[in-house]
């Protein structure tokens, strides 16, 4: 059964935050994130300008036992459309996929700590005048795979409760380094980026289960 609301559970907090993180990492613009006036203007919207700040276009899902157990969100930012989904009640690979006009990047699950990725490069569909045969995938030009090894830790390091938890050691080590050096934020994930990820996560929860945020 899904966790009780009082336990702070839900698919968006469990998995959706990682998807929001990937979305921000892929499209972030440091100068844009630091420009508060642009952020305010984008929030107010209605000026016909391109999206300066992520816009959650739609959210749908299902609630059980007071928390979201299914969620599907569509987000637009800087001309890129993203589809994010989470589930606590059905089989989900928890992978991450990026699609461009002439490329495809698939990051193998689990999405909280992927170690393998595949990049596929296709002929640019915008530069062709005829449909490919067979329909409808453009011819593949190049394929490249990437992999990264995680640190070795004892077998009992929480794998039963969480996939690849040893990946968090990278975060813990960076936080420790930052505290010892007196820095106020991590270069890899700045405060504006963290705030943006939190905002997107809240928007997804609000779209499925507004009651979960009433007292927060």
N, C-alpha and C. Protein backbone atom coordinates (compact mmCIF):
# COMPACT_ATOMS: atom_id res chain seq x y z
N UNK A 1 0.84 -1.20 0.00
CA UNK A 1 0.00 0.00 0.00
C UNK A 1 0.87 1.25 0.00
N UNK A 2 0.35 2.39 -0.51
CA UNK A 2 1.14 3.62 -0.50
C UNK A 2 1.36 4.11 0.91
N UNK A 3 2.43 4.85 1.14
CA UNK A 3 2.71 5.35 2.48
C UNK A 3 1.66 6.36 2.91
N UNK A 4 1.43 6.53 4.22
CA UNK A 4 0.45 7.51 4.68
C UNK A 4 0.93 8.93 4.44
N UNK A 5 -0.03 9.84 4.33
CA UNK A 5 0.31 11.23 4.08
C UNK A 5 1.24 11.79 5.15
N UNK A 6 1.00 11.40 6.41
CA UNK A 6 1.81 11.91 7.50
C UNK A 6 3.27 11.52 7.38
N UNK A 7 3.56 10.48 6.61
CA UNK A 7 4.94 10.05 6.43
C UNK A 7 5.68 10.81 5.35
N UNK A 8 4.98 11.74 4.69
CA UNK A 8 5.63 12.55 3.67
C UNK A 8 5.94 11.79 2.40
N UNK A 9 5.20 10.72 2.13
CA UNK A 9 5.49 9.91 0.96
C UNK A 9 4.89 10.46 -0.31
N UNK A 10 4.92 9.65 -1.37
CA UNK A 10 4.39 10.05 -2.66
C UNK A 10 5.39 9.84 -3.76
N UNK A 11 4.89 9.53 -4.97
CA UNK A 11 5.77 9.26 -6.09
C UNK A 11 6.58 10.45 -6.55
N UNK A 12 6.00 11.67 -6.47
CA UNK A 12 6.73 12.85 -6.92
C UNK A 12 7.94 13.12 -6.03
N UNK A 13 7.74 13.04 -4.72
CA UNK A 13 8.87 13.27 -3.80
C UNK A 13 9.89 12.14 -3.88
N UNK A 14 9.42 10.93 -4.19
CA UNK A 14 10.32 9.78 -4.23
C UNK A 14 11.11 9.73 -5.54
N UNK A 15 10.44 10.02 -6.67
CA UNK A 15 11.08 9.88 -7.97
C UNK A 15 11.03 11.15 -8.81
N UNK A 16 9.91 11.89 -8.71
CA UNK A 16 9.73 13.06 -9.57
C UNK A 16 10.78 14.14 -9.37
N UNK A 17 11.31 14.26 -8.14
CA UNK A 17 12.33 15.28 -7.89
C UNK A 17 13.58 15.02 -8.71
N UNK A 18 13.92 13.74 -8.94
CA UNK A 18 15.09 13.41 -9.76
C UNK A 18 14.85 13.80 -11.21
N UNK A 19 13.62 13.59 -11.70
CA UNK A 19 13.30 13.95 -13.07
C UNK A 19 13.35 15.47 -13.25
N UNK A 20 12.85 16.21 -12.26
CA UNK A 20 12.94 17.67 -12.30
C UNK A 20 14.40 18.10 -12.29
N UNK A 21 15.22 17.40 -11.52
CA UNK A 21 16.65 17.69 -11.44
C UNK A 21 17.31 17.50 -12.81
N UNK A 22 17.00 16.38 -13.48
CA UNK A 22 17.56 16.14 -14.81
C UNK A 22 17.13 17.24 -15.79
N UNK A 23 15.88 17.63 -15.72
CA UNK A 23 15.35 18.66 -16.62
C UNK A 23 16.11 19.97 -16.45
N UNK A 24 16.33 20.37 -15.20
CA UNK A 24 17.06 21.62 -14.92
C UNK A 24 18.52 21.50 -15.33
N UNK A 25 19.15 20.36 -15.05
CA UNK A 25 20.55 20.15 -15.42
C UNK A 25 20.75 20.24 -16.92
N UNK A 26 19.79 19.69 -17.67
CA UNK A 26 19.93 19.65 -19.12
C UNK A 26 19.75 21.02 -19.76
N UNK A 27 18.94 21.89 -19.16
CA UNK A 27 18.58 23.14 -19.81
C UNK A 27 19.02 24.39 -19.07
N UNK A 28 19.69 24.22 -17.95
CA UNK A 28 19.99 25.38 -17.10
C UNK A 28 20.88 26.39 -17.82
N UNK A 29 20.65 27.63 -17.49
CA UNK A 29 21.44 28.74 -17.98
C UNK A 29 21.82 29.55 -16.74
N UNK A 30 23.10 29.51 -16.36
CA UNK A 30 23.53 30.12 -15.10
C UNK A 30 23.15 31.59 -15.03
N UNK A 31 23.35 32.31 -16.12
CA UNK A 31 23.04 33.74 -16.13
C UNK A 31 21.54 33.95 -15.96
N UNK A 32 20.74 33.13 -16.61
CA UNK A 32 19.30 33.25 -16.53
C UNK A 32 18.81 32.96 -15.11
N UNK A 33 19.36 31.91 -14.49
CA UNK A 33 18.93 31.54 -13.15
C UNK A 33 19.27 32.62 -12.13
N UNK A 34 20.33 33.38 -12.36
CA UNK A 34 20.76 34.39 -11.40
C UNK A 34 20.09 35.73 -11.61
N UNK A 35 19.34 35.89 -12.72
CA UNK A 35 18.71 37.16 -13.04
C UNK A 35 17.31 37.19 -12.42
N UNK A 36 17.17 37.79 -11.24
CA UNK A 36 15.90 37.78 -10.52
C UNK A 36 14.83 38.56 -11.28
N UNK A 37 15.20 39.65 -11.97
CA UNK A 37 14.20 40.42 -12.70
C UNK A 37 13.58 39.60 -13.82
N UNK A 38 14.39 38.80 -14.51
CA UNK A 38 13.87 37.95 -15.57
C UNK A 38 12.95 36.88 -14.99
N UNK A 39 13.30 36.38 -13.80
CA UNK A 39 12.49 35.36 -13.16
C UNK A 39 11.12 35.92 -12.81
N UNK A 40 11.09 37.13 -12.24
CA UNK A 40 9.82 37.76 -11.88
C UNK A 40 8.98 38.02 -13.12
N UNK A 41 9.61 38.54 -14.17
CA UNK A 41 8.88 38.83 -15.40
C UNK A 41 8.31 37.56 -16.01
N UNK A 42 9.08 36.49 -15.97
CA UNK A 42 8.61 35.22 -16.53
C UNK A 42 7.47 34.65 -15.70
N UNK A 43 7.55 34.82 -14.37
CA UNK A 43 6.47 34.34 -13.51
C UNK A 43 5.16 35.06 -13.80
N UNK A 44 5.26 36.37 -14.05
CA UNK A 44 4.05 37.14 -14.32
C UNK A 44 3.48 36.79 -15.69
N UNK A 45 4.36 36.50 -16.66
CA UNK A 45 3.94 36.02 -17.98
C UNK A 45 3.01 36.97 -18.70
N UNK A 46 2.37 36.43 -19.74
CA UNK A 46 1.40 37.22 -20.48
C UNK A 46 1.97 38.24 -21.44
N UNK A 47 3.29 38.24 -21.65
CA UNK A 47 3.88 39.24 -22.53
C UNK A 47 4.24 38.68 -23.90
N UNK A 48 3.90 37.42 -24.14
CA UNK A 48 4.16 36.83 -25.45
C UNK A 48 5.60 36.48 -25.69
N UNK A 49 6.46 36.62 -24.70
CA UNK A 49 7.87 36.32 -24.85
C UNK A 49 8.10 34.82 -24.68
N UNK A 50 9.21 34.29 -25.21
CA UNK A 50 9.54 32.87 -24.99
C UNK A 50 9.65 32.58 -23.50
N UNK A 51 9.47 31.33 -23.14
CA UNK A 51 9.53 30.94 -21.74
C UNK A 51 10.92 31.23 -21.17
N UNK A 52 10.97 32.18 -20.21
CA UNK A 52 12.22 32.46 -19.52
C UNK A 52 12.34 31.61 -18.28
N UNK A 53 11.21 31.11 -17.78
CA UNK A 53 11.17 30.33 -16.56
C UNK A 53 10.30 29.11 -16.84
N UNK A 54 10.63 27.94 -16.32
CA UNK A 54 9.84 26.75 -16.64
C UNK A 54 8.35 26.93 -16.38
N UNK A 55 7.56 26.42 -17.28
CA UNK A 55 6.12 26.50 -17.15
C UNK A 55 5.54 25.09 -17.11
N UNK A 56 4.84 24.76 -16.03
CA UNK A 56 4.18 23.47 -15.93
C UNK A 56 2.85 23.57 -16.66
N UNK A 57 2.77 22.96 -17.84
CA UNK A 57 1.59 23.10 -18.69
C UNK A 57 0.43 22.24 -18.23
N UNK A 58 0.71 21.03 -17.76
CA UNK A 58 -0.37 20.15 -17.32
C UNK A 58 0.17 19.12 -16.34
N UNK A 59 -0.70 18.72 -15.42
CA UNK A 59 -0.38 17.67 -14.47
C UNK A 59 -1.63 16.83 -14.24
N UNK A 60 -1.48 15.53 -14.27
CA UNK A 60 -2.59 14.63 -13.98
C UNK A 60 -2.05 13.47 -13.16
N UNK A 61 -2.92 12.80 -12.45
CA UNK A 61 -2.45 11.69 -11.65
C UNK A 61 -3.53 11.07 -10.78
N UNK A 62 -3.10 10.31 -9.80
CA UNK A 62 -4.00 9.57 -8.93
C UNK A 62 -3.48 9.65 -7.50
N UNK A 63 -4.41 9.79 -6.55
CA UNK A 63 -4.07 9.88 -5.14
C UNK A 63 -4.66 8.70 -4.40
N UNK A 64 -3.89 8.11 -3.49
CA UNK A 64 -4.38 7.03 -2.64
C UNK A 64 -3.76 7.17 -1.26
N UNK A 65 -4.55 7.01 -0.24
CA UNK A 65 -4.07 7.10 1.13
C UNK A 65 -3.43 8.45 1.43
N UNK A 66 -3.90 9.47 0.73
CA UNK A 66 -3.44 10.83 1.01
C UNK A 66 -2.21 11.27 0.26
N UNK A 67 -1.61 10.42 -0.58
CA UNK A 67 -0.41 10.80 -1.33
C UNK A 67 -0.58 10.45 -2.80
N UNK A 68 0.24 11.08 -3.65
CA UNK A 68 0.17 10.78 -5.08
C UNK A 68 0.84 9.44 -5.37
N UNK A 69 0.13 8.60 -6.12
CA UNK A 69 0.70 7.30 -6.50
C UNK A 69 0.92 7.22 -8.01
N UNK A 70 0.31 8.13 -8.77
CA UNK A 70 0.52 8.22 -10.22
C UNK A 70 0.62 9.69 -10.57
N UNK A 71 1.56 10.06 -11.46
CA UNK A 71 1.70 11.44 -11.87
C UNK A 71 2.25 11.52 -13.28
N UNK A 72 1.67 12.40 -14.09
CA UNK A 72 2.17 12.68 -15.44
C UNK A 72 2.15 14.19 -15.62
N UNK A 73 3.32 14.77 -15.89
CA UNK A 73 3.42 16.23 -16.03
C UNK A 73 4.07 16.59 -17.36
N UNK A 74 3.65 17.73 -17.90
CA UNK A 74 4.25 18.28 -19.11
C UNK A 74 4.80 19.66 -18.77
N UNK A 75 6.09 19.86 -19.03
CA UNK A 75 6.76 21.11 -18.67
C UNK A 75 7.44 21.69 -19.91
N UNK A 76 7.37 23.01 -20.06
CA UNK A 76 8.02 23.70 -21.17
C UNK A 76 9.03 24.69 -20.62
N UNK A 77 10.23 24.68 -21.20
CA UNK A 77 11.24 25.66 -20.82
C UNK A 77 12.22 25.84 -21.97
N UNK A 78 12.45 27.08 -22.33
CA UNK A 78 13.42 27.44 -23.36
C UNK A 78 13.17 26.66 -24.66
N UNK A 79 11.89 26.50 -25.00
CA UNK A 79 11.53 25.83 -26.24
C UNK A 79 11.58 24.32 -26.20
N UNK A 80 11.86 23.75 -25.03
CA UNK A 80 11.94 22.29 -24.89
C UNK A 80 10.74 21.79 -24.10
N UNK A 81 10.10 20.76 -24.62
CA UNK A 81 8.94 20.16 -23.97
C UNK A 81 9.37 18.86 -23.29
N UNK A 82 9.05 18.72 -22.01
CA UNK A 82 9.43 17.53 -21.25
C UNK A 82 8.19 16.83 -20.72
N UNK A 83 8.21 15.51 -20.75
CA UNK A 83 7.14 14.69 -20.19
C UNK A 83 7.72 13.88 -19.05
N UNK A 84 7.23 14.10 -17.84
CA UNK A 84 7.73 13.43 -16.64
C UNK A 84 6.63 12.59 -16.03
N UNK A 85 6.94 11.37 -15.64
CA UNK A 85 5.92 10.51 -15.03
C UNK A 85 6.52 9.70 -13.89
N UNK A 86 5.70 9.45 -12.87
CA UNK A 86 6.10 8.62 -11.73
C UNK A 86 4.95 7.70 -11.37
N UNK A 87 5.27 6.61 -10.72
CA UNK A 87 4.23 5.68 -10.27
C UNK A 87 4.74 4.84 -9.11
N UNK A 88 3.86 4.63 -8.14
CA UNK A 88 4.15 3.73 -7.03
C UNK A 88 3.34 2.45 -7.12
N UNK A 89 2.50 2.33 -8.17
CA UNK A 89 1.58 1.20 -8.24
C UNK A 89 1.73 0.38 -9.52
N UNK A 90 2.64 0.73 -10.39
CA UNK A 90 2.84 -0.04 -11.62
C UNK A 90 4.33 -0.17 -11.90
N UNK A 91 4.65 -1.11 -12.75
CA UNK A 91 6.05 -1.31 -13.13
C UNK A 91 6.54 -0.11 -13.93
N UNK A 92 7.63 0.47 -13.52
CA UNK A 92 8.21 1.62 -14.22
C UNK A 92 9.72 1.47 -14.22
N UNK A 93 10.37 1.60 -15.37
CA UNK A 93 11.82 1.40 -15.43
C UNK A 93 12.61 2.51 -14.76
N UNK A 94 12.00 3.71 -14.59
CA UNK A 94 12.69 4.83 -13.96
C UNK A 94 13.95 5.22 -14.72
N UNK A 95 13.85 5.22 -16.05
CA UNK A 95 14.95 5.69 -16.89
C UNK A 95 14.68 7.13 -17.32
N UNK A 96 15.67 7.74 -17.95
CA UNK A 96 15.55 9.12 -18.41
C UNK A 96 15.93 9.16 -19.89
N UNK A 97 15.09 9.82 -20.70
CA UNK A 97 15.33 9.88 -22.13
C UNK A 97 15.17 11.31 -22.62
N UNK A 98 16.15 11.78 -23.40
CA UNK A 98 16.10 13.09 -24.02
C UNK A 98 16.00 12.89 -25.54
N UNK A 99 15.10 13.65 -26.18
CA UNK A 99 14.92 13.55 -27.63
C UNK A 99 15.13 14.91 -28.27
N UNK A 100 16.01 14.98 -29.28
CA UNK A 100 16.23 16.19 -30.04
C UNK A 100 15.83 15.99 -31.49
N UNK A 101 16.04 16.99 -32.33
CA UNK A 101 15.67 16.87 -33.74
C UNK A 101 16.51 15.83 -34.46
N UNK A 102 17.75 15.61 -34.01
CA UNK A 102 18.60 14.64 -34.68
C UNK A 102 19.41 13.80 -33.69
N UNK A 103 18.92 13.70 -32.46
CA UNK A 103 19.66 12.90 -31.47
C UNK A 103 18.70 12.35 -30.42
N UNK A 104 19.18 11.32 -29.73
CA UNK A 104 18.43 10.68 -28.66
C UNK A 104 19.43 10.24 -27.60
N UNK A 105 19.20 10.62 -26.35
CA UNK A 105 20.06 10.24 -25.24
C UNK A 105 19.23 9.47 -24.23
N UNK A 106 19.60 8.23 -23.98
CA UNK A 106 18.88 7.40 -23.02
C UNK A 106 19.82 7.08 -21.87
N UNK A 107 19.38 7.44 -20.66
CA UNK A 107 20.14 7.13 -19.45
C UNK A 107 19.47 5.96 -18.76
N UNK A 108 20.19 4.86 -18.66
CA UNK A 108 19.63 3.62 -18.14
C UNK A 108 19.21 3.77 -16.68
N UNK A 109 18.14 3.10 -16.28
CA UNK A 109 17.68 3.19 -14.89
C UNK A 109 18.67 2.53 -13.94
N UNK A 110 18.59 2.93 -12.65
CA UNK A 110 17.61 3.82 -12.05
C UNK A 110 17.98 5.30 -12.22
N UNK A 111 16.95 6.13 -12.38
CA UNK A 111 17.18 7.54 -12.66
C UNK A 111 17.80 8.32 -11.52
N UNK A 112 17.74 7.79 -10.30
CA UNK A 112 18.35 8.51 -9.17
C UNK A 112 19.87 8.41 -9.20
N UNK A 113 20.41 7.38 -9.87
CA UNK A 113 21.86 7.20 -9.90
C UNK A 113 22.25 6.37 -11.12
N UNK A 114 22.08 6.92 -12.33
CA UNK A 114 22.40 6.15 -13.53
C UNK A 114 23.91 6.02 -13.71
N UNK A 115 24.33 4.90 -14.26
CA UNK A 115 25.76 4.68 -14.52
C UNK A 115 26.03 4.39 -16.00
N UNK A 116 24.97 4.27 -16.80
CA UNK A 116 25.14 3.97 -18.22
C UNK A 116 24.23 4.86 -19.06
N UNK A 117 24.72 5.24 -20.23
CA UNK A 117 23.94 6.07 -21.14
C UNK A 117 24.31 5.73 -22.58
N UNK A 118 23.36 5.95 -23.48
CA UNK A 118 23.58 5.71 -24.90
C UNK A 118 23.14 6.93 -25.68
N UNK A 119 24.01 7.42 -26.56
CA UNK A 119 23.71 8.57 -27.42
C UNK A 119 23.58 8.10 -28.85
N UNK A 120 22.43 8.40 -29.47
CA UNK A 120 22.18 8.06 -30.87
C UNK A 120 22.05 9.34 -31.67
N UNK A 121 22.79 9.42 -32.77
CA UNK A 121 22.73 10.59 -33.65
C UNK A 121 22.07 10.18 -34.97
N UNK A 122 21.04 10.94 -35.38
CA UNK A 122 20.30 10.64 -36.59
C UNK A 122 20.49 11.75 -37.63
N UNK A 123 20.05 11.49 -38.83
CA UNK A 123 20.00 12.54 -39.84
C UNK A 123 18.95 13.55 -39.41
N UNK A 124 19.28 14.83 -39.53
CA UNK A 124 18.39 15.89 -39.05
C UNK A 124 17.11 15.93 -39.87
N UNK A 125 15.97 15.69 -39.21
CA UNK A 125 14.68 15.68 -39.91
C UNK A 125 14.32 17.05 -40.47
N UNK A 126 14.85 18.12 -39.87
CA UNK A 126 14.55 19.47 -40.35
C UNK A 126 15.25 19.79 -41.67
N UNK A 127 16.22 18.95 -42.04
CA UNK A 127 16.99 19.22 -43.27
C UNK A 127 16.64 18.25 -44.38
N UNK A 128 15.55 17.51 -44.24
CA UNK A 128 15.13 16.58 -45.27
C UNK A 128 13.76 16.97 -45.81
N UNK A 129 13.48 16.64 -47.04
CA UNK A 129 12.21 17.00 -47.66
C UNK A 129 11.31 15.79 -47.91
N UNK A 130 11.78 14.61 -47.58
CA UNK A 130 10.99 13.41 -47.82
C UNK A 130 10.97 12.54 -46.56
N UNK A 131 9.94 11.73 -46.43
CA UNK A 131 9.82 10.84 -45.28
C UNK A 131 10.83 9.70 -45.40
N UNK A 132 11.41 9.29 -44.28
CA UNK A 132 12.35 8.16 -44.32
C UNK A 132 11.61 6.85 -44.58
N UNK A 133 12.32 5.90 -45.13
CA UNK A 133 11.76 4.58 -45.37
C UNK A 133 12.67 3.53 -44.75
N UNK A 134 12.11 2.61 -43.94
CA UNK A 134 10.70 2.59 -43.52
C UNK A 134 10.38 3.72 -42.56
N UNK A 135 9.11 4.10 -42.53
CA UNK A 135 8.65 5.19 -41.67
C UNK A 135 8.81 4.76 -40.20
N UNK A 136 9.19 5.65 -39.29
CA UNK A 136 9.33 7.07 -39.53
C UNK A 136 10.63 7.57 -38.88
N UNK A 137 11.51 6.65 -38.56
CA UNK A 137 12.75 6.99 -37.90
C UNK A 137 13.80 7.42 -38.91
N UNK A 138 14.49 8.52 -38.62
CA UNK A 138 15.57 8.98 -39.49
C UNK A 138 16.75 8.01 -39.43
N UNK A 139 17.52 7.92 -40.52
CA UNK A 139 18.68 7.00 -40.52
C UNK A 139 19.68 7.32 -39.41
N UNK A 140 20.20 6.27 -38.79
CA UNK A 140 21.16 6.43 -37.72
C UNK A 140 22.53 6.76 -38.28
N UNK A 141 23.16 7.82 -37.76
CA UNK A 141 24.49 8.22 -38.22
C UNK A 141 25.59 7.71 -37.29
N UNK A 142 25.31 7.73 -35.99
CA UNK A 142 26.36 7.38 -35.03
C UNK A 142 25.73 6.94 -33.72
N UNK A 143 26.41 6.03 -33.03
CA UNK A 143 25.95 5.56 -31.72
C UNK A 143 27.14 5.49 -30.78
N UNK A 144 26.97 5.99 -29.57
CA UNK A 144 28.06 5.99 -28.60
C UNK A 144 27.50 5.67 -27.21
N UNK A 145 28.20 4.83 -26.48
CA UNK A 145 27.77 4.44 -25.13
C UNK A 145 28.75 4.96 -24.09
N UNK A 146 28.22 5.25 -22.91
CA UNK A 146 29.03 5.78 -21.81
C UNK A 146 28.73 4.97 -20.55
N UNK A 147 29.71 4.85 -19.69
CA UNK A 147 29.49 4.16 -18.42
C UNK A 147 30.40 4.76 -17.35
N UNK A 148 29.96 4.67 -16.11
CA UNK A 148 30.70 5.21 -14.98
C UNK A 148 30.54 4.26 -13.81
N UNK A 149 31.65 3.89 -13.18
CA UNK A 149 31.60 2.98 -12.04
C UNK A 149 31.33 3.74 -10.75
N UNK A 150 30.49 3.15 -9.90
CA UNK A 150 30.22 3.72 -8.60
C UNK A 150 31.23 3.19 -7.58
N UNK A 151 31.42 3.91 -6.47
CA UNK A 151 32.36 3.42 -5.45
C UNK A 151 31.86 2.11 -4.83
N UNK A 152 32.78 1.29 -4.40
CA UNK A 152 32.43 0.02 -3.77
C UNK A 152 32.11 0.23 -2.29
N UNK A 153 30.97 -0.31 -1.88
CA UNK A 153 30.57 -0.24 -0.49
C UNK A 153 30.03 -1.59 -0.06
N UNK A 154 29.97 -1.86 1.25
CA UNK A 154 29.46 -3.15 1.73
C UNK A 154 28.08 -3.45 1.15
N UNK A 155 27.81 -4.73 0.97
CA UNK A 155 26.57 -5.15 0.33
C UNK A 155 25.33 -4.73 1.10
N UNK A 156 25.45 -4.47 2.37
CA UNK A 156 24.30 -4.10 3.18
C UNK A 156 24.02 -2.62 3.21
N UNK A 157 24.59 -1.88 2.27
CA UNK A 157 24.48 -0.41 2.28
C UNK A 157 23.13 0.06 1.71
N UNK A 158 22.04 -0.54 2.16
CA UNK A 158 20.71 -0.05 1.84
C UNK A 158 20.15 -0.43 0.50
N UNK A 159 20.78 -1.36 -0.25
CA UNK A 159 20.28 -1.68 -1.58
C UNK A 159 18.86 -2.22 -1.57
N UNK A 160 18.47 -2.90 -0.48
CA UNK A 160 17.14 -3.48 -0.41
C UNK A 160 16.06 -2.40 -0.37
N UNK A 161 16.37 -1.24 0.20
CA UNK A 161 15.39 -0.17 0.32
C UNK A 161 15.48 0.85 -0.81
N UNK A 162 16.65 0.98 -1.42
CA UNK A 162 16.84 2.05 -2.40
C UNK A 162 17.87 1.63 -3.44
N UNK A 163 17.59 1.87 -4.73
CA UNK A 163 18.54 1.44 -5.77
C UNK A 163 19.80 2.29 -5.78
N UNK A 164 20.94 1.64 -5.75
CA UNK A 164 22.25 2.29 -5.82
C UNK A 164 22.39 3.45 -4.83
N UNK A 165 22.17 3.22 -3.55
CA UNK A 165 22.29 4.31 -2.58
C UNK A 165 23.71 4.81 -2.43
N UNK A 166 24.71 3.99 -2.83
CA UNK A 166 26.10 4.43 -2.68
C UNK A 166 26.40 5.67 -3.52
N UNK A 167 25.54 5.96 -4.50
CA UNK A 167 25.73 7.17 -5.29
C UNK A 167 25.64 8.44 -4.46
N UNK A 168 24.91 8.36 -3.35
CA UNK A 168 24.79 9.53 -2.48
C UNK A 168 26.11 9.89 -1.83
N UNK A 169 27.08 8.98 -1.85
CA UNK A 169 28.38 9.30 -1.24
C UNK A 169 29.06 10.45 -1.97
N UNK A 170 28.78 10.60 -3.27
CA UNK A 170 29.33 11.73 -4.01
C UNK A 170 28.79 13.04 -3.46
N UNK A 171 27.49 13.05 -3.18
CA UNK A 171 26.87 14.25 -2.64
C UNK A 171 27.41 14.53 -1.23
N UNK A 172 27.47 13.49 -0.40
CA UNK A 172 27.95 13.67 0.97
C UNK A 172 29.38 14.20 0.98
N UNK A 173 30.23 13.67 0.11
CA UNK A 173 31.63 14.12 0.06
C UNK A 173 31.72 15.58 -0.38
N UNK A 174 30.88 15.99 -1.32
CA UNK A 174 30.92 17.37 -1.79
C UNK A 174 30.40 18.33 -0.74
N UNK A 175 29.35 17.93 -0.02
CA UNK A 175 28.82 18.76 1.07
C UNK A 175 29.88 18.92 2.15
N UNK A 176 30.56 17.82 2.50
CA UNK A 176 31.62 17.89 3.51
C UNK A 176 32.73 18.84 3.06
N UNK A 177 33.15 18.72 1.80
CA UNK A 177 34.20 19.59 1.29
C UNK A 177 33.78 21.06 1.35
N UNK A 178 32.54 21.30 0.97
CA UNK A 178 32.03 22.67 0.95
C UNK A 178 31.98 23.27 2.36
N UNK A 179 31.55 22.48 3.33
CA UNK A 179 31.49 22.96 4.70
C UNK A 179 32.88 23.26 5.25
N UNK A 180 33.83 22.39 4.96
CA UNK A 180 35.19 22.58 5.45
C UNK A 180 35.84 23.80 4.83
N UNK A 181 35.51 24.10 3.57
CA UNK A 181 36.11 25.24 2.87
C UNK A 181 35.33 26.52 3.07
N UNK A 182 34.18 26.42 3.72
CA UNK A 182 33.40 27.62 4.01
C UNK A 182 32.59 28.16 2.84
N UNK A 183 32.38 27.37 1.81
CA UNK A 183 31.59 27.86 0.68
C UNK A 183 30.10 27.80 1.04
N UNK A 184 29.29 28.61 0.38
CA UNK A 184 27.88 28.74 0.73
C UNK A 184 26.96 27.92 -0.17
N UNK A 185 27.50 27.41 -1.26
CA UNK A 185 26.70 26.55 -2.13
C UNK A 185 27.63 25.69 -2.97
N UNK A 186 27.08 24.58 -3.49
CA UNK A 186 27.88 23.69 -4.31
C UNK A 186 27.85 24.17 -5.76
N UNK A 187 29.01 24.16 -6.38
CA UNK A 187 29.10 24.59 -7.77
C UNK A 187 28.29 23.68 -8.69
N UNK A 188 28.24 22.39 -8.37
CA UNK A 188 27.54 21.44 -9.23
C UNK A 188 26.03 21.60 -9.19
N UNK A 189 25.51 22.13 -8.08
CA UNK A 189 24.07 22.32 -7.94
C UNK A 189 23.86 23.56 -7.08
N UNK A 190 23.75 24.71 -7.74
CA UNK A 190 23.69 25.98 -7.04
C UNK A 190 22.35 26.17 -6.33
N UNK A 191 22.30 27.15 -5.46
CA UNK A 191 21.07 27.43 -4.73
C UNK A 191 19.90 27.77 -5.65
N UNK A 192 20.07 28.64 -6.68
CA UNK A 192 18.94 28.89 -7.60
C UNK A 192 18.46 27.62 -8.29
N UNK A 193 19.37 26.73 -8.64
CA UNK A 193 18.96 25.47 -9.27
C UNK A 193 18.15 24.61 -8.30
N UNK A 194 18.61 24.54 -7.05
CA UNK A 194 17.88 23.76 -6.05
C UNK A 194 16.49 24.33 -5.81
N UNK A 195 16.38 25.66 -5.77
CA UNK A 195 15.08 26.30 -5.57
C UNK A 195 14.16 26.01 -6.75
N UNK A 196 14.72 26.01 -7.95
CA UNK A 196 13.92 25.73 -9.14
C UNK A 196 13.42 24.29 -9.13
N UNK A 197 14.27 23.36 -8.76
CA UNK A 197 13.87 21.95 -8.68
C UNK A 197 12.76 21.78 -7.64
N UNK A 198 12.91 22.46 -6.50
CA UNK A 198 11.88 22.39 -5.46
C UNK A 198 10.56 22.97 -5.95
N UNK A 199 10.66 24.06 -6.69
CA UNK A 199 9.44 24.69 -7.21
C UNK A 199 8.72 23.77 -8.18
N UNK A 200 9.47 23.18 -9.11
CA UNK A 200 8.85 22.27 -10.07
C UNK A 200 8.23 21.07 -9.38
N UNK A 201 8.93 20.55 -8.36
CA UNK A 201 8.39 19.41 -7.60
C UNK A 201 7.09 19.79 -6.92
N UNK A 202 7.05 20.97 -6.30
CA UNK A 202 5.83 21.43 -5.65
C UNK A 202 4.68 21.59 -6.65
N UNK A 203 5.01 22.11 -7.84
CA UNK A 203 3.98 22.30 -8.86
C UNK A 203 3.38 20.97 -9.30
N UNK A 204 4.22 19.95 -9.41
CA UNK A 204 3.72 18.63 -9.80
C UNK A 204 2.84 18.04 -8.71
N UNK A 205 3.27 18.18 -7.45
CA UNK A 205 2.45 17.67 -6.35
C UNK A 205 1.12 18.42 -6.29
N UNK A 206 1.17 19.74 -6.45
CA UNK A 206 -0.04 20.55 -6.38
C UNK A 206 -1.04 20.16 -7.46
N UNK A 207 -0.53 19.80 -8.64
CA UNK A 207 -1.41 19.44 -9.73
C UNK A 207 -2.14 18.13 -9.51
N UNK A 208 -1.56 17.25 -8.71
CA UNK A 208 -2.18 15.94 -8.45
C UNK A 208 -2.90 15.91 -7.10
N UNK A 209 -2.24 16.51 -6.10
CA UNK A 209 -2.73 16.36 -4.73
C UNK A 209 -2.56 17.69 -3.97
N UNK A 210 -3.38 18.71 -4.26
CA UNK A 210 -3.23 20.02 -3.63
C UNK A 210 -3.26 19.96 -2.11
N UNK A 211 -4.03 19.01 -1.55
CA UNK A 211 -4.17 18.93 -0.09
C UNK A 211 -2.83 18.64 0.58
N UNK A 212 -1.90 18.01 -0.15
CA UNK A 212 -0.61 17.65 0.46
C UNK A 212 0.22 18.87 0.81
N UNK A 213 -0.05 20.03 0.16
CA UNK A 213 0.74 21.22 0.38
C UNK A 213 0.01 22.27 1.21
N UNK A 214 -1.19 21.95 1.67
CA UNK A 214 -2.01 22.95 2.36
C UNK A 214 -1.33 23.48 3.61
N UNK A 215 -0.64 22.64 4.34
CA UNK A 215 -0.04 23.07 5.60
C UNK A 215 1.46 23.28 5.50
N UNK A 216 2.00 23.34 4.24
CA UNK A 216 3.43 23.51 4.06
C UNK A 216 3.75 24.88 3.49
